[in-house]
């Protein structure tokens, strides 16, 4: 509550005094395109947050407030148009914004797509190809659910979210799968709890593509590319692109790094796979391949809320201007080489 109150107050101060714009200018943020990123879109945030990672959720009503506020200040464009403007560093032209959704959850089809079509907003959905049309869960969702059901809250112990994030950031995909299998031996989760996490079907994805939305790759299995071998990184980028193109009958040009994590090997793999544009979740860009490390701002239900839980344009404006991220810094480690083939750089 104290942190939320301080964030609200800081946002109001920066917007009223123009400090936020100065921070943005000083950080060089005006040369970076604005790309908003979301994950799951749900009807009821409080209800969904009982079993989901809260920071991956936004309610349909909150998403609508975001789109309306952004739409009054930016022109929404497709990722193709935004990508072509990346090289325009002098700030000429109207301000544009793009909207993306990661992971390919089925609730994009149920809740986001009708809203986007109603408002005429182009958007992109990045999917994990191994999960499309299956009943399997994203590994981060399964791990969070298992840890939440297996361990009771304990003062001083990591929360299920903290534990999930630490494991995802430091273990390979194979190690994470072994861990979830061990947890599943002791924990049973009902299908009613699992159902909201299901992915899009290929039929849904085809309809999304025909509606004019961009479909991009989020990898073959959603493995963090900075944790995997070079061979696996190449497969994640290349196989997912090939399958999407074969299934949708179109050229796939866009890739989103799982977890927003990248290093030189990941960028090189994405380039070799033939993508023209790729997206992260931090402000760093590759010096020689900036179009393959386009930053995005991640939003969820409470990311742009005031201390009363209501939507705040002042807070959203500070996020768009990178006023908060400049102060907090980047948690990622962007290495130029790998310490070992299966470890994190």
Foldseek 3Di string as FASTA:
>chain_A
DVVLQVLQVVLVVCVVVVVLVVVLVVVLVLLAAAEEEAEAEDQDLVVLVVQFVSLRAAYLVLVLVVCVLVVVQAAADAPVVVLVCSPVRPNDDGRYYAYEYEAAFPNCLVRVVVSCLVVVHAYEYAHQAQQAAHLDFQLLSLQLNLVPQPDDDDPPDDHSVRVSVVCLVWAWPVVSVVVSVVSCVPDDDDVVSSVRRGGHHLVSVLVCVVSVYAYAHQFNRLRQLLQAFLVRLLRRQQVRQVVVCVSNVDHHAEYEGRQLDDAPSNLVSNVVSPHLAYEGADDDADPVRRRPYRHYHYGHQQQQAHPVSHGDPSSVVSSSSCVPCVVVDDPYDHDHDDPDRRTGD
